[in-house]
Amino acid sequence: MKHLFRIYILLFMLTSDFKMFADDGPGDGSDDGDIEGDDDPAVPINGKILFLLVSGILFAFYQYRMHRKTSAQK
């Protein structure tokens, strides 16, 4: 039951995150259809994807080793 509750909380957080950052709806743009206006240009993340991938793999490996170490002690 506790495992199911954790899955429910995870799914709730993921879906609420999408809802919070979703499009604000019609009427937020200007008359010419430009919804961005004079905002700063978007920052490209192409240079950071490799760094994020490597750090994610290292974090998963670290968590796996910690899980194996704690399960071996029990």
Protein backbone atom coordinates (compact mmCIF):
# COMPACT_ATOMS: atom_id res chain seq x y z
CA MET A 1 0.00 0.00 0.00
CA LYS A 2 2.85 2.34 0.82
CA HIS A 3 4.41 1.68 -2.59
CA LEU A 4 1.12 2.51 -4.32
CA PHE A 5 0.86 5.73 -2.33
CA ARG A 6 4.35 6.78 -3.43
CA ILE A 7 3.48 6.12 -7.07
CA TYR A 8 0.30 8.17 -6.68
CA ILE A 9 2.23 11.09 -5.16
CA LEU A 10 4.84 10.92 -7.94
CA LEU A 11 2.19 10.94 -10.66
CA PHE A 12 0.35 13.77 -8.95
CA MET A 13 3.50 15.89 -8.77
CA LEU A 14 4.38 15.22 -12.41
CA THR A 15 0.92 16.05 -13.72
CA SER A 16 0.53 19.12 -11.52
CA ASP A 17 3.89 20.35 -12.79
CA PHE A 18 2.62 20.09 -16.38
CA LYS A 19 -0.56 21.90 -15.42
CA MET A 20 1.28 24.76 -13.71
CA PHE A 21 3.57 25.43 -16.65
CA ALA A 22 1.01 24.81 -19.38
CA ASP A 23 -0.16 27.51 -21.75
CA ASP A 24 -2.08 30.23 -19.94
CA GLY A 25 -4.85 30.06 -22.47
CA PRO A 26 -6.30 32.26 -25.16
CA GLY A 27 -6.11 36.00 -24.88
CA ASP A 28 -2.59 36.19 -23.52
CA GLY A 29 -0.98 37.10 -26.82
CA SER A 30 -0.91 40.42 -28.57
CA ASP A 31 -3.12 41.43 -31.48
CA ASP A 32 -0.60 40.25 -34.06
CA GLY A 33 -0.45 36.74 -32.61
CA ASP A 34 2.98 37.14 -31.03
CA ILE A 35 2.66 35.62 -27.58
CA GLU A 36 6.30 36.15 -26.61
CA GLY A 37 6.43 39.90 -27.04
CA ASP A 38 9.72 41.48 -25.99
CA ASP A 39 10.92 38.63 -23.78
CA ASP A 40 14.55 37.64 -23.63
CA PRO A 41 15.51 35.02 -26.23
CA ALA A 42 15.43 31.41 -25.16
CA VAL A 43 18.69 29.93 -23.90
CA PRO A 44 19.84 26.86 -25.86
CA ILE A 45 20.54 23.78 -23.76
CA ASN A 46 22.32 21.80 -26.46
CA GLY A 47 25.69 22.30 -24.78
CA LYS A 48 24.38 21.05 -21.44
CA ILE A 49 22.68 17.85 -22.61
CA LEU A 50 25.88 15.81 -22.51
CA PHE A 51 26.65 17.08 -19.01
CA LEU A 52 23.12 16.23 -17.86
CA LEU A 53 23.35 12.75 -19.38
CA VAL A 54 26.68 11.98 -17.71
CA SER A 55 25.53 13.33 -14.34
CA GLY A 56 22.30 11.32 -14.58
CA ILE A 57 24.17 8.10 -15.33
CA LEU A 58 26.62 8.73 -12.47
CA PHE A 59 23.76 9.48 -10.08
CA ALA A 60 21.92 6.29 -11.10
CA PHE A 61 25.11 4.25 -10.64
CA TYR A 62 25.66 5.83 -7.21
CA GLN A 63 22.09 5.07 -6.13
CA TYR A 64 22.40 1.49 -7.38
CA ARG A 65 25.61 0.94 -5.42
CA MET A 66 24.11 2.45 -2.26
CA HIS A 67 21.03 0.24 -2.62
CA ARG A 68 23.17 -2.88 -3.06
CA LYS A 69 25.33 -1.93 -0.06
CA THR A 70 22.34 -1.41 2.25
CA SER A 71 20.58 -4.57 1.05
CA ALA A 72 23.78 -6.61 1.59
CA GLN A 73 24.01 -5.39 5.20
CA LYS A 74 20.49 -6.59 6.05
